[in-house]
Every structure is written in structure tokens, then in C-alpha cells.
Amino acid sequence: MDKKKIAIVVMSGNFLMDFAGPADVFRHANALRDMYEVLLISPDGETFNGIGGLQINSNALRDLGSIDTLLIVGNDPESNYKQFYTWLAGAHNQIRRIGTIGVGATIVERSGLILDHHYFHTRDGQLYTSGGVSSGIDLALAMVEEDCGRGVAAHVARKLIFFYLNKQAYQVQFGALVDTSSLAVQLKEWLTGRLHEPLNIGRLAEQLNMSTRNFTRVFTRQTGISPAKFIEKLRVEAASVYVEQSDLPLEEIASRCGLGGLVSMRRLFLRHLMVTPSDYRRFLKLQKYENCN
């Protein structure tokens, strides 16, 4: 049986994980099923430079023959890839799948193809899009699952995301961060839907018809933490639910939960859950593969 040719077109070597991650996914899957041939391609067929002075060899488009899956990664706005745009505009009907990782989507659009953008990854007919960097791995895993089934995809995921299997790193029980004392429960009910708003101690005390000083004293005695720390935990708990139950961009989740931004959200996830938001999302994805296998 002829192998499916996976051509990864590297428009820029600035982010090695953009193309190295998906390449690893298909190569590990190939070790199990012997069905893929993975090639790195540059638009002009020449060796290109990666970060840190790495030189990366590539193949030319004219030498490829039939392509099953074309992945386009990276972008170099200073280069003129007009010849590649023209080639893609004429060749896309002969390619089963075309995927983009990160800003590679703009390359496809310049070739006249229309994409439906999505933060994580999505599919529209033959076109697959991904937000870039680590989400490119998820896109490649989705393609392997499509070709080989969940079992192979889960096996590859375990190889690439092996640290998720170390259960000691995830002893924190997600969604159980917030104290269940009567005062905390009463306050939590009111705070639902208000986490994106400014929430100072005075506002919390007013809601409970207490002075700021008395509220702080009673709340700390009942819960063992300050009101400010309670709000912080509540926001992280709410954000973890969004990460688990939706594909919303992490930046939007941070905004909805009052976490300030992605950097702040990452810091607070590490503090309370011992995992970054993006790693938590990938951990849940791996669990999905294993539970459905």
C-alpha cells in the first residue's frame, strides 16, 4: 500500500515547534501503522535557517508527486512566495487535506482559499486550521485519529505528552478549590456572573451587610483564608471549568473570569492547580482519547 505523503511546508524557521511537533506526531503514528511519509518542504526548495543558527534541509515542491496532507506553518512577511501561492491555488483540489498552523492561514488565503479561523483547531471540508505552536500538535493528532483511530492517537499522545501520566503532579482536585463554609457559600452564589468585575473587600462586605473590618475578621476565621485569596481561588475554579467544558480562547477565559490576562492566568493556575491552562487543556484532551479508546 502506498504511504500517505505528509508535506509540511515551512514558511519560516522562527518557531521550530510549529513544524517539529506535527512532524513528530505523524512519525510516531507511522511507527505503529507504517502508512505515512513525512517531508519538510520550503516554498523555494532551499535550505532554510531556524532559530539558534540551525540549518534545516527541505525538499522542493516539484519533487513531491501526489500529496495526501499539506501542512503550512509559519510566515515570513519579507519574502515573496508568489510562486508558492500560484502553485497552491492550482494544486489544492488534488490534495485531500490542507492544514495551517498559526499565521500559515494567511498563506492559504493569499492563494484564494477561504478559512474559518479558530483558536484551537477546526475543520471546514478539506481545510484544517490551528492556532499555532502547541495547538499544531493537537491538529496533527486529530488527523491521525481520523486516519488510524483513537487508539493510535492516544498512543502517540502518551509519547508526546508523557508528563500528563505522572499522577503525582495532578493531585489537586480540579473544581474543589473554594471553601464550603456557610459564609463562603453565600458569597459564592452572589459572585456567580460577577467575576469579571472589580471585587474589593468593601463591596463584598456591603453585600453581606457587614463592616469591612468585621467581614474580614469573620470570613478569615471561617475559611482560613483572606477574602482576596478566596476571590482568586474562585476565579481560577471558574476558569478551569471553562477550559474543561469549552474551546474558548484562553485569553477570553481569563477576561471572563477576571484574571487580568493570559500571563496572570498562567501564574495563578500554576499556583493553585500546579499546571498551566494550556497544559490542563491538553491533559483533558488526552483523558478524552483514553476514555473513548
C-alpha atoms as a PDB file:
ATOM      1  CA  MET A   1       0.000   0.000   0.000  1.00  0.00           C
ATOM      2  CA  ASP A   2       1.294   3.430  -0.925  1.00  0.00           C
ATOM      3  CA  LYS A   3       2.042   5.631   2.054  1.00  0.00           C
ATOM      4  CA  LYS A   4       0.160   8.851   2.665  1.00  0.00           C
ATOM      5  CA  LYS A   5       2.536  11.699   1.893  1.00  0.00           C
ATOM      6  CA  ILE A   6       2.544  14.386   4.615  1.00  0.00           C
ATOM      7  CA  ALA A   7       4.180  17.527   3.219  1.00  0.00           C
ATOM      8  CA  ILE A   8       4.973  20.170   5.847  1.00  0.00           C
ATOM      9  CA  VAL A   9       5.676  23.494   4.145  1.00  0.00           C
ATOM     10  CA  VAL A  10       7.841  25.617   6.440  1.00  0.00           C
ATOM     11  CA  MET A  11       7.395  29.289   5.579  1.00  0.00           C
ATOM     12  CA  SER A  12       9.652  30.397   8.440  1.00  0.00           C
ATOM     13  CA  GLY A  13      12.034  28.663  10.845  1.00  0.00           C
ATOM     14  CA  ASN A  14      11.376  31.080  13.700  1.00  0.00           C
ATOM     15  CA  PHE A  15       9.288  28.597  15.710  1.00  0.00           C
ATOM     16  CA  LEU A  16      10.670  25.081  15.465  1.00  0.00           C
ATOM     17  CA  MET A  17       7.756  23.538  17.365  1.00  0.00           C
ATOM     18  CA  ASP A  18       5.370  24.768  14.656  1.00  0.00           C
ATOM     19  CA  PHE A  19       6.638  22.067  12.306  1.00  0.00           C
ATOM     20  CA  ALA A  20       8.624  19.734  14.582  1.00  0.00           C
ATOM     21  CA  GLY A  21       5.583  18.957  16.771  1.00  0.00           C
ATOM     22  CA  PRO A  22       3.246  17.832  13.960  1.00  0.00           C
ATOM     23  CA  ALA A  23       6.139  16.015  12.245  1.00  0.00           C
ATOM     24  CA  ASP A  24       6.750  14.017  15.436  1.00  0.00           C
ATOM     25  CA  VAL A  25       3.048  13.122  15.667  1.00  0.00           C
ATOM     26  CA  PHE A  26       2.972  11.625  12.169  1.00  0.00           C
ATOM     27  CA  ARG A  27       6.338   9.888  12.570  1.00  0.00           C
ATOM     28  CA  HIS A  28       5.280   8.215  15.822  1.00  0.00           C
ATOM     29  CA  ALA A  29       1.990   7.180  14.188  1.00  0.00           C
ATOM     30  CA  ASN A  30       3.946   5.809  11.242  1.00  0.00           C
ATOM     31  CA  ALA A  31       5.976   3.606  13.590  1.00  0.00           C
ATOM     32  CA  LEU A  32       2.674   1.961  14.573  1.00  0.00           C
ATOM     33  CA  ARG A  33       0.899   1.772  11.218  1.00  0.00           C
ATOM     34  CA  ASP A  34       3.619   2.273   8.557  1.00  0.00           C
ATOM     35  CA  MET A  35       1.333   4.485   6.497  1.00  0.00           C
ATOM     36  CA  TYR A  36       2.948   7.938   6.408  1.00  0.00           C
ATOM     37  CA  GLU A  37       5.863   9.540   4.604  1.00  0.00           C
ATOM     38  CA  VAL A  38       6.729  12.875   6.231  1.00  0.00           C
ATOM     39  CA  LEU A  39       8.615  15.519   4.272  1.00  0.00           C
ATOM     40  CA  LEU A  40       9.713  19.047   5.169  1.00  0.00           C
ATOM     41  CA  ILE A  41       9.217  21.483   2.314  1.00  0.00           C
ATOM     42  CA  SER A  42      10.257  25.088   1.820  1.00  0.00           C
ATOM     43  CA  PRO A  43       8.469  27.325  -0.711  1.00  0.00           C
ATOM     44  CA  ASP A  44      11.631  27.674  -2.794  1.00  0.00           C
ATOM     45  CA  GLY A  45      13.099  24.214  -2.096  1.00  0.00           C
ATOM     46  CA  GLU A  46      16.208  25.635  -0.459  1.00  0.00           C
ATOM     47  CA  THR A  47      17.763  25.041   2.948  1.00  0.00           C
ATOM     48  CA  PHE A  48      16.375  27.498   5.476  1.00  0.00           C
ATOM     49  CA  ASN A  49      17.703  28.757   8.773  1.00  0.00           C
ATOM     50  CA  GLY A  50      15.985  28.116  12.084  1.00  0.00           C
ATOM     51  CA  ILE A  51      16.472  29.919  15.344  1.00  0.00           C
ATOM     52  CA  GLY A  52      19.816  29.462  17.072  1.00  0.00           C
ATOM     53  CA  GLY A  53      21.640  29.085  13.752  1.00  0.00           C
ATOM     54  CA  LEU A  54      20.108  25.703  12.913  1.00  0.00           C
ATOM     55  CA  GLN A  55      20.100  24.815   9.227  1.00  0.00           C
ATOM     56  CA  ILE A  56      17.115  22.753   8.133  1.00  0.00           C
ATOM     57  CA  ASN A  57      17.150  20.754   4.917  1.00  0.00           C
ATOM     58  CA  SER A  58      13.995  20.694   2.820  1.00  0.00           C
ATOM     59  CA  ASN A  59      12.541  19.272  -0.362  1.00  0.00           C
ATOM     60  CA  ALA A  60      11.235  21.163  -3.389  1.00  0.00           C
ATOM     61  CA  LEU A  61       7.551  21.131  -4.306  1.00  0.00           C
ATOM     62  CA  ARG A  62       8.299  19.944  -7.812  1.00  0.00           C
ATOM     63  CA  ASP A  63       9.769  16.706  -6.417  1.00  0.00           C
ATOM     64  CA  LEU A  64       6.773  15.711  -4.306  1.00  0.00           C
ATOM     65  CA  GLY A  65       4.336  13.970  -6.616  1.00  0.00           C
ATOM     66  CA  SER A  66       0.964  13.112  -5.089  1.00  0.00           C
ATOM     67  CA  ILE A  67       0.291  14.737  -1.679  1.00  0.00           C
ATOM     68  CA  ASP A  68      -2.235  13.410   0.819  1.00  0.00           C
ATOM     69  CA  THR A  69      -1.875  16.096   3.506  1.00  0.00           C
ATOM     70  CA  LEU A  70      -0.309  19.531   3.195  1.00  0.00           C
ATOM     71  CA  LEU A  71       0.532  21.426   6.391  1.00  0.00           C
ATOM     72  CA  ILE A  72       1.589  25.060   6.117  1.00  0.00           C
ATOM     73  CA  VAL A  73       3.420  26.520   9.100  1.00  0.00           C
ATOM     74  CA  GLY A  74       4.971  29.887   9.896  1.00  0.00           C
ATOM     75  CA  ASN A  75       5.168  33.026   7.811  1.00  0.00           C
ATOM     76  CA  ASP A  76       7.903  35.323   6.576  1.00  0.00           C
ATOM     77  CA  PRO A  77       6.296  38.650   5.561  1.00  0.00           C
ATOM     78  CA  GLU A  78       9.522  39.872   3.975  1.00  0.00           C
ATOM     79  CA  SER A  79       9.735  37.006   1.472  1.00  0.00           C
ATOM     80  CA  ASN A  80       7.961  36.802  -1.839  1.00  0.00           C
ATOM     81  CA  TYR A  81       6.239  33.425  -2.110  1.00  0.00           C
ATOM     82  CA  LYS A  82       4.114  34.311  -5.126  1.00  0.00           C
ATOM     83  CA  GLN A  83       5.184  31.147  -6.941  1.00  0.00           C
ATOM     84  CA  PHE A  84       4.014  29.037  -3.995  1.00  0.00           C
ATOM     85  CA  TYR A  85       0.664  30.871  -3.838  1.00  0.00           C
ATOM     86  CA  THR A  86       0.140  30.161  -7.521  1.00  0.00           C
ATOM     87  CA  TRP A  87       1.075  26.506  -7.075  1.00  0.00           C
ATOM     88  CA  LEU A  88      -1.324  26.070  -4.143  1.00  0.00           C
ATOM     89  CA  ALA A  89      -4.188  27.762  -5.964  1.00  0.00           C
ATOM     90  CA  GLY A  90      -3.854  25.196  -8.758  1.00  0.00           C
ATOM     91  CA  ALA A  91      -2.983  22.120  -6.690  1.00  0.00           C
ATOM     92  CA  HIS A  92      -5.369  22.303  -3.730  1.00  0.00           C
ATOM     93  CA  ASN A  93      -8.099  20.302  -5.482  1.00  0.00           C
ATOM     94  CA  GLN A  94      -5.711  17.329  -5.753  1.00  0.00           C
ATOM     95  CA  ILE A  95      -4.808  17.370  -2.034  1.00  0.00           C
ATOM     96  CA  ARG A  96      -7.049  15.530   0.447  1.00  0.00           C
ATOM     97  CA  ARG A  97      -6.253  17.735   3.450  1.00  0.00           C
ATOM     98  CA  ILE A  98      -4.704  21.159   3.812  1.00  0.00           C
ATOM     99  CA  GLY A  99      -3.860  22.330   7.312  1.00  0.00           C
ATOM    100  CA  THR A 100      -2.472  25.590   8.599  1.00  0.00           C
ATOM    101  CA  ILE A 101      -0.673  26.216  11.855  1.00  0.00           C
ATOM    102  CA  GLY A 102      -0.615  29.748  13.204  1.00  0.00           C
ATOM    103  CA  VAL A 103      -0.096  32.508  10.677  1.00  0.00           C
ATOM    104  CA  GLY A 104       0.177  29.944   7.910  1.00  0.00           C
ATOM    105  CA  ALA A 105      -3.540  30.625   7.437  1.00  0.00           C
ATOM    106  CA  THR A 106      -2.705  33.914   5.695  1.00  0.00           C
ATOM    107  CA  ILE A 107      -0.704  31.962   3.128  1.00  0.00           C
ATOM    108  CA  VAL A 108      -3.738  29.868   2.219  1.00  0.00           C
ATOM    109  CA  GLU A 109      -5.935  32.956   1.913  1.00  0.00           C
ATOM    110  CA  ARG A 110      -3.449  34.588  -0.456  1.00  0.00           C
ATOM    111  CA  SER A 111      -3.903  31.528  -2.642  1.00  0.00           C
ATOM    112  CA  GLY A 112      -7.639  32.204  -2.854  1.00  0.00           C
ATOM    113  CA  LEU A 113      -8.852  29.620  -0.322  1.00  0.00           C
ATOM    114  CA  ILE A 114     -11.237  30.685   2.445  1.00  0.00           C
ATOM    115  CA  LEU A 115     -10.674  29.633   6.042  1.00  0.00           C
ATOM    116  CA  ASP A 116     -12.799  29.591   9.151  1.00  0.00           C
ATOM    117  CA  HIS A 117     -10.417  30.765  11.899  1.00  0.00           C
ATOM    118  CA  HIS A 118     -10.497  29.095  15.322  1.00  0.00           C
ATOM    119  CA  TYR A 119      -8.208  29.388  18.325  1.00  0.00           C
ATOM    120  CA  PHE A 120      -7.652  25.671  18.931  1.00  0.00           C
ATOM    121  CA  HIS A 121      -8.242  23.751  15.715  1.00  0.00           C
ATOM    122  CA  THR A 122     -11.174  23.232  13.417  1.00  0.00           C
ATOM    123  CA  ARG A 123     -12.132  21.684  10.102  1.00  0.00           C
ATOM    124  CA  ASP A 124     -14.087  23.024   7.148  1.00  0.00           C
ATOM    125  CA  GLY A 125     -14.160  20.494   4.318  1.00  0.00           C
ATOM    126  CA  GLN A 126     -10.581  19.789   3.294  1.00  0.00           C
ATOM    127  CA  LEU A 127      -9.246  22.800   5.228  1.00  0.00           C
ATOM    128  CA  TYR A 128      -7.990  22.442   8.796  1.00  0.00           C
ATOM    129  CA  THR A 129      -6.817  25.365  10.911  1.00  0.00           C
ATOM    130  CA  SER A 130      -4.847  25.610  14.127  1.00  0.00           C
ATOM    131  CA  GLY A 131      -3.878  28.463  16.428  1.00  0.00           C
ATOM    132  CA  GLY A 132      -0.204  27.638  16.225  1.00  0.00           C
ATOM    133  CA  VAL A 133       2.727  26.191  18.227  1.00  0.00           C
ATOM    134  CA  SER A 134       1.396  23.509  20.611  1.00  0.00           C
ATOM    135  CA  SER A 135      -2.085  23.544  19.050  1.00  0.00           C
ATOM    136  CA  GLY A 136      -0.440  22.292  15.859  1.00  0.00           C
ATOM    137  CA  ILE A 137       0.252  19.048  17.718  1.00  0.00           C
ATOM    138  CA  ASP A 138      -3.444  18.775  18.544  1.00  0.00           C
ATOM    139  CA  LEU A 139      -4.326  19.338  14.890  1.00  0.00           C
ATOM    140  CA  ALA A 140      -1.924  16.580  13.818  1.00  0.00           C
ATOM    141  CA  LEU A 141      -3.333  14.240  16.491  1.00  0.00           C
ATOM    142  CA  ALA A 142      -6.836  14.909  15.161  1.00  0.00           C
ATOM    143  CA  MET A 143      -5.666  13.952  11.671  1.00  0.00           C
ATOM    144  CA  VAL A 144      -4.024  10.754  12.966  1.00  0.00           C
ATOM    145  CA  GLU A 145      -7.232   9.904  14.817  1.00  0.00           C
ATOM    146  CA  GLU A 146      -9.145  10.428  11.575  1.00  0.00           C
ATOM    147  CA  ASP A 147      -6.791   8.067   9.705  1.00  0.00           C
ATOM    148  CA  CYS A 148      -5.927   5.466  12.330  1.00  0.00           C
ATOM    149  CA  GLY A 149      -8.498   5.687  15.124  1.00  0.00           C
ATOM    150  CA  ARG A 150      -8.409   6.869  18.716  1.00  0.00           C
ATOM    151  CA  GLY A 151      -6.143   4.058  19.894  1.00  0.00           C
ATOM    152  CA  VAL A 152      -3.208   5.149  17.736  1.00  0.00           C
ATOM    153  CA  ALA A 153      -3.826   8.835  18.501  1.00  0.00           C
ATOM    154  CA  ALA A 154      -3.858   8.096  22.242  1.00  0.00           C
ATOM    155  CA  HIS A 155      -0.637   6.095  21.978  1.00  0.00           C
ATOM    156  CA  VAL A 156       1.097   8.966  20.190  1.00  0.00           C
ATOM    157  CA  ALA A 157      -0.311  11.469  22.679  1.00  0.00           C
ATOM    158  CA  ARG A 158       1.146   9.462  25.547  1.00  0.00           C
ATOM    159  CA  LYS A 159       4.559   9.525  23.903  1.00  0.00           C
ATOM    160  CA  LEU A 160       4.489  13.263  23.274  1.00  0.00           C
ATOM    161  CA  ILE A 161       2.688  14.341  26.441  1.00  0.00           C
ATOM    162  CA  PHE A 162       4.194  11.792  28.804  1.00  0.00           C
ATOM    163  CA  PHE A 163       4.263  14.152  31.782  1.00  0.00           C
ATOM    164  CA  TYR A 164       0.464  14.086  31.916  1.00  0.00           C
ATOM    165  CA  LEU A 165       0.663  10.466  33.012  1.00  0.00           C
ATOM    166  CA  ASN A 166       2.588  11.372  36.175  1.00  0.00           C
ATOM    167  CA  LYS A 167      -0.405  11.424  38.520  1.00  0.00           C
ATOM    168  CA  GLN A 168       1.624  12.908  41.381  1.00  0.00           C
ATOM    169  CA  ALA A 169       1.787  16.188  39.506  1.00  0.00           C
ATOM    170  CA  TYR A 170      -2.014  16.395  39.418  1.00  0.00           C
ATOM    171  CA  GLN A 171      -3.104  15.546  42.957  1.00  0.00           C
ATOM    172  CA  VAL A 172      -5.017  18.846  43.187  1.00  0.00           C
ATOM    173  CA  GLN A 173      -8.704  18.149  42.645  1.00  0.00           C
ATOM    174  CA  PHE A 174      -9.839  20.496  39.880  1.00  0.00           C
ATOM    175  CA  GLY A 175     -13.021  22.383  40.742  1.00  0.00           C
ATOM    176  CA  ALA A 176     -12.606  21.903  44.511  1.00  0.00           C
ATOM    177  CA  LEU A 177     -10.527  24.959  45.363  1.00  0.00           C
ATOM    178  CA  VAL A 178     -13.108  27.049  47.167  1.00  0.00           C
ATOM    179  CA  ASP A 179     -14.072  26.678  50.831  1.00  0.00           C
ATOM    180  CA  THR A 180     -17.567  25.391  51.600  1.00  0.00           C
ATOM    181  CA  SER A 181     -18.216  27.270  54.862  1.00  0.00           C
ATOM    182  CA  SER A 182     -21.623  28.955  55.133  1.00  0.00           C
ATOM    183  CA  LEU A 183     -20.254  32.453  54.581  1.00  0.00           C
ATOM    184  CA  ALA A 184     -18.181  31.331  51.583  1.00  0.00           C
ATOM    185  CA  VAL A 185     -21.133  29.520  50.001  1.00  0.00           C
ATOM    186  CA  GLN A 186     -23.381  32.545  50.492  1.00  0.00           C
ATOM    187  CA  LEU A 187     -20.798  34.837  48.914  1.00  0.00           C
ATOM    188  CA  LYS A 188     -20.077  32.439  46.047  1.00  0.00           C
ATOM    189  CA  GLU A 189     -23.725  32.437  44.981  1.00  0.00           C
ATOM    190  CA  TRP A 190     -23.696  36.223  44.680  1.00  0.00           C
ATOM    191  CA  LEU A 191     -20.358  36.277  42.869  1.00  0.00           C
ATOM    192  CA  THR A 192     -21.509  33.964  40.088  1.00  0.00           C
ATOM    193  CA  GLY A 193     -21.518  36.007  36.897  1.00  0.00           C
ATOM    194  CA  ARG A 194     -19.604  38.899  38.519  1.00  0.00           C
ATOM    195  CA  LEU A 195     -16.064  37.536  38.455  1.00  0.00           C
ATOM    196  CA  HIS A 196     -15.090  39.838  35.598  1.00  0.00           C
ATOM    197  CA  GLU A 197     -15.974  42.897  37.695  1.00  0.00           C
ATOM    198  CA  PRO A 198     -13.760  44.712  40.240  1.00  0.00           C
ATOM    199  CA  LEU A 199     -14.328  42.926  43.552  1.00  0.00           C
ATOM    200  CA  ASN A 200     -12.780  44.708  46.517  1.00  0.00           C
ATOM    201  CA  ILE A 201     -13.336  43.791  50.164  1.00  0.00           C
ATOM    202  CA  GLY A 202     -15.636  46.752  50.742  1.00  0.00           C
ATOM    203  CA  ARG A 203     -18.026  45.568  48.044  1.00  0.00           C
ATOM    204  CA  LEU A 204     -18.114  42.038  49.467  1.00  0.00           C
ATOM    205  CA  ALA A 205     -18.752  43.310  52.995  1.00  0.00           C
ATOM    206  CA  GLU A 206     -21.544  45.563  51.767  1.00  0.00           C
ATOM    207  CA  GLN A 207     -23.250  42.644  50.032  1.00  0.00           C
ATOM    208  CA  LEU A 208     -23.327  40.771  53.383  1.00  0.00           C
ATOM    209  CA  ASN A 209     -24.388  43.867  55.354  1.00  0.00           C
ATOM    210  CA  MET A 210     -21.181  43.825  57.374  1.00  0.00           C
ATOM    211  CA  SER A 211     -18.468  46.348  58.086  1.00  0.00           C
ATOM    212  CA  THR A 212     -15.254  45.797  56.187  1.00  0.00           C
ATOM    213  CA  ARG A 213     -13.326  45.080  59.374  1.00  0.00           C
ATOM    214  CA  ASN A 214     -15.871  42.620  60.782  1.00  0.00           C
ATOM    215  CA  PHE A 215     -16.344  40.899  57.424  1.00  0.00           C
ATOM    216  CA  THR A 216     -12.595  40.372  57.026  1.00  0.00           C
ATOM    217  CA  ARG A 217     -12.268  39.011  60.577  1.00  0.00           C
ATOM    218  CA  VAL A 218     -15.256  36.633  60.367  1.00  0.00           C
ATOM    219  CA  PHE A 219     -14.513  35.443  56.850  1.00  0.00           C
ATOM    220  CA  THR A 220     -10.878  34.678  57.642  1.00  0.00           C
ATOM    221  CA  ARG A 221     -11.863  32.817  60.814  1.00  0.00           C
ATOM    222  CA  GLN A 222     -14.433  30.667  58.966  1.00  0.00           C
ATOM    223  CA  THR A 223     -12.424  29.888  55.836  1.00  0.00           C
ATOM    224  CA  GLY A 224      -8.814  30.179  56.936  1.00  0.00           C
ATOM    225  CA  ILE A 225      -8.010  32.489  54.013  1.00  0.00           C
ATOM    226  CA  SER A 226      -8.438  36.179  53.255  1.00  0.00           C
ATOM    227  CA  PRO A 227     -11.352  37.437  51.125  1.00  0.00           C
ATOM    228  CA  ALA A 228      -8.878  38.416  48.392  1.00  0.00           C
ATOM    229  CA  LYS A 229      -7.429  34.887  48.280  1.00  0.00           C
ATOM    230  CA  PHE A 230     -10.975  33.479  48.180  1.00  0.00           C
ATOM    231  CA  ILE A 231     -11.800  35.586  45.108  1.00  0.00           C
ATOM    232  CA  GLU A 232      -8.571  34.474  43.475  1.00  0.00           C
ATOM    233  CA  LYS A 233      -9.395  30.796  44.016  1.00  0.00           C
ATOM    234  CA  LEU A 234     -12.962  31.292  42.838  1.00  0.00           C
ATOM    235  CA  ARG A 235     -11.740  32.857  39.607  1.00  0.00           C
ATOM    236  CA  VAL A 236      -9.279  30.032  38.977  1.00  0.00           C
ATOM    237  CA  GLU A 237     -12.010  27.460  39.665  1.00  0.00           C
ATOM    238  CA  ALA A 238     -14.350  29.179  37.192  1.00  0.00           C
ATOM    239  CA  ALA A 239     -11.586  29.408  34.585  1.00  0.00           C
ATOM    240  CA  SER A 240     -10.770  25.699  34.959  1.00  0.00           C
ATOM    241  CA  VAL A 241     -14.420  24.873  34.226  1.00  0.00           C
ATOM    242  CA  TYR A 242     -14.303  26.983  31.052  1.00  0.00           C
ATOM    243  CA  VAL A 243     -11.082  25.235  29.974  1.00  0.00           C
ATOM    244  CA  GLU A 244     -12.685  21.853  30.595  1.00  0.00           C
ATOM    245  CA  GLN A 245     -16.087  22.469  29.036  1.00  0.00           C
ATOM    246  CA  SER A 246     -15.386  24.856  26.144  1.00  0.00           C
ATOM    247  CA  ASP A 247     -12.975  25.615  23.321  1.00  0.00           C
ATOM    248  CA  LEU A 248     -12.924  29.331  24.156  1.00  0.00           C
ATOM    249  CA  PRO A 249      -9.542  31.022  23.652  1.00  0.00           C
ATOM    250  CA  LEU A 250      -7.599  31.157  26.905  1.00  0.00           C
ATOM    251  CA  GLU A 251      -7.371  34.950  26.662  1.00  0.00           C
ATOM    252  CA  GLU A 252     -11.169  35.175  26.589  1.00  0.00           C
ATOM    253  CA  ILE A 253     -11.472  32.844  29.560  1.00  0.00           C
ATOM    254  CA  ALA A 254      -9.039  34.999  31.512  1.00  0.00           C
ATOM    255  CA  SER A 255     -11.150  38.069  30.742  1.00  0.00           C
ATOM    256  CA  ARG A 256     -14.466  36.410  31.648  1.00  0.00           C
ATOM    257  CA  CYS A 257     -13.107  35.249  34.985  1.00  0.00           C
ATOM    258  CA  GLY A 258     -11.386  38.487  35.969  1.00  0.00           C
ATOM    259  CA  LEU A 259      -7.888  37.006  35.805  1.00  0.00           C
ATOM    260  CA  GLY A 260      -6.452  40.030  34.013  1.00  0.00           C
ATOM    261  CA  GLY A 261      -4.750  38.301  31.094  1.00  0.00           C
ATOM    262  CA  LEU A 262      -3.091  35.118  29.909  1.00  0.00           C
ATOM    263  CA  VAL A 263       0.169  35.739  31.824  1.00  0.00           C
ATOM    264  CA  SER A 264      -1.689  36.287  35.096  1.00  0.00           C
ATOM    265  CA  MET A 265      -3.970  33.322  34.432  1.00  0.00           C
ATOM    266  CA  ARG A 266      -0.967  31.078  33.810  1.00  0.00           C
ATOM    267  CA  ARG A 267       0.701  32.180  37.036  1.00  0.00           C
ATOM    268  CA  LEU A 268      -2.456  31.552  39.099  1.00  0.00           C
ATOM    269  CA  PHE A 269      -3.099  28.128  37.516  1.00  0.00           C
ATOM    270  CA  LEU A 270       0.442  27.094  38.424  1.00  0.00           C
ATOM    271  CA  ARG A 271      -0.051  28.372  41.973  1.00  0.00           C
ATOM    272  CA  HIS A 272      -3.373  26.642  42.622  1.00  0.00           C
ATOM    273  CA  LEU A 273      -3.512  23.690  40.191  1.00  0.00           C
ATOM    274  CA  MET A 274       0.192  23.046  39.542  1.00  0.00           C
ATOM    275  CA  VAL A 275      -0.431  23.125  35.784  1.00  0.00           C
ATOM    276  CA  THR A 276      -0.652  25.810  33.103  1.00  0.00           C
ATOM    277  CA  PRO A 277      -4.024  26.481  31.402  1.00  0.00           C
ATOM    278  CA  SER A 278      -2.769  25.164  28.064  1.00  0.00           C
ATOM    279  CA  ASP A 279      -1.309  22.017  29.668  1.00  0.00           C
ATOM    280  CA  TYR A 280      -4.564  21.464  31.562  1.00  0.00           C
ATOM    281  CA  ARG A 281      -6.479  21.621  28.283  1.00  0.00           C
ATOM    282  CA  ARG A 282      -4.081  19.144  26.710  1.00  0.00           C
ATOM    283  CA  PHE A 283      -4.355  16.887  29.779  1.00  0.00           C
ATOM    284  CA  LEU A 284      -8.134  16.823  29.362  1.00  0.00           C
ATOM    285  CA  LYS A 285      -7.734  16.043  25.669  1.00  0.00           C
ATOM    286  CA  LEU A 286      -5.531  13.066  26.476  1.00  0.00           C
ATOM    287  CA  GLN A 287      -8.094  11.849  29.012  1.00  0.00           C
ATOM    288  CA  LYS A 288     -10.739  12.045  26.270  1.00  0.00           C
ATOM    289  CA  TYR A 289      -8.614   9.888  23.976  1.00  0.00           C
ATOM    290  CA  GLU A 290      -8.078   7.279  26.689  1.00  0.00           C
ATOM    291  CA  ASN A 291     -11.680   7.218  27.939  1.00  0.00           C
ATOM    292  CA  CYS A 292     -13.023   6.734  24.419  1.00  0.00           C
ATOM    293  CA  ASN A 293     -10.483   4.079  23.482  1.00  0.00           C
END
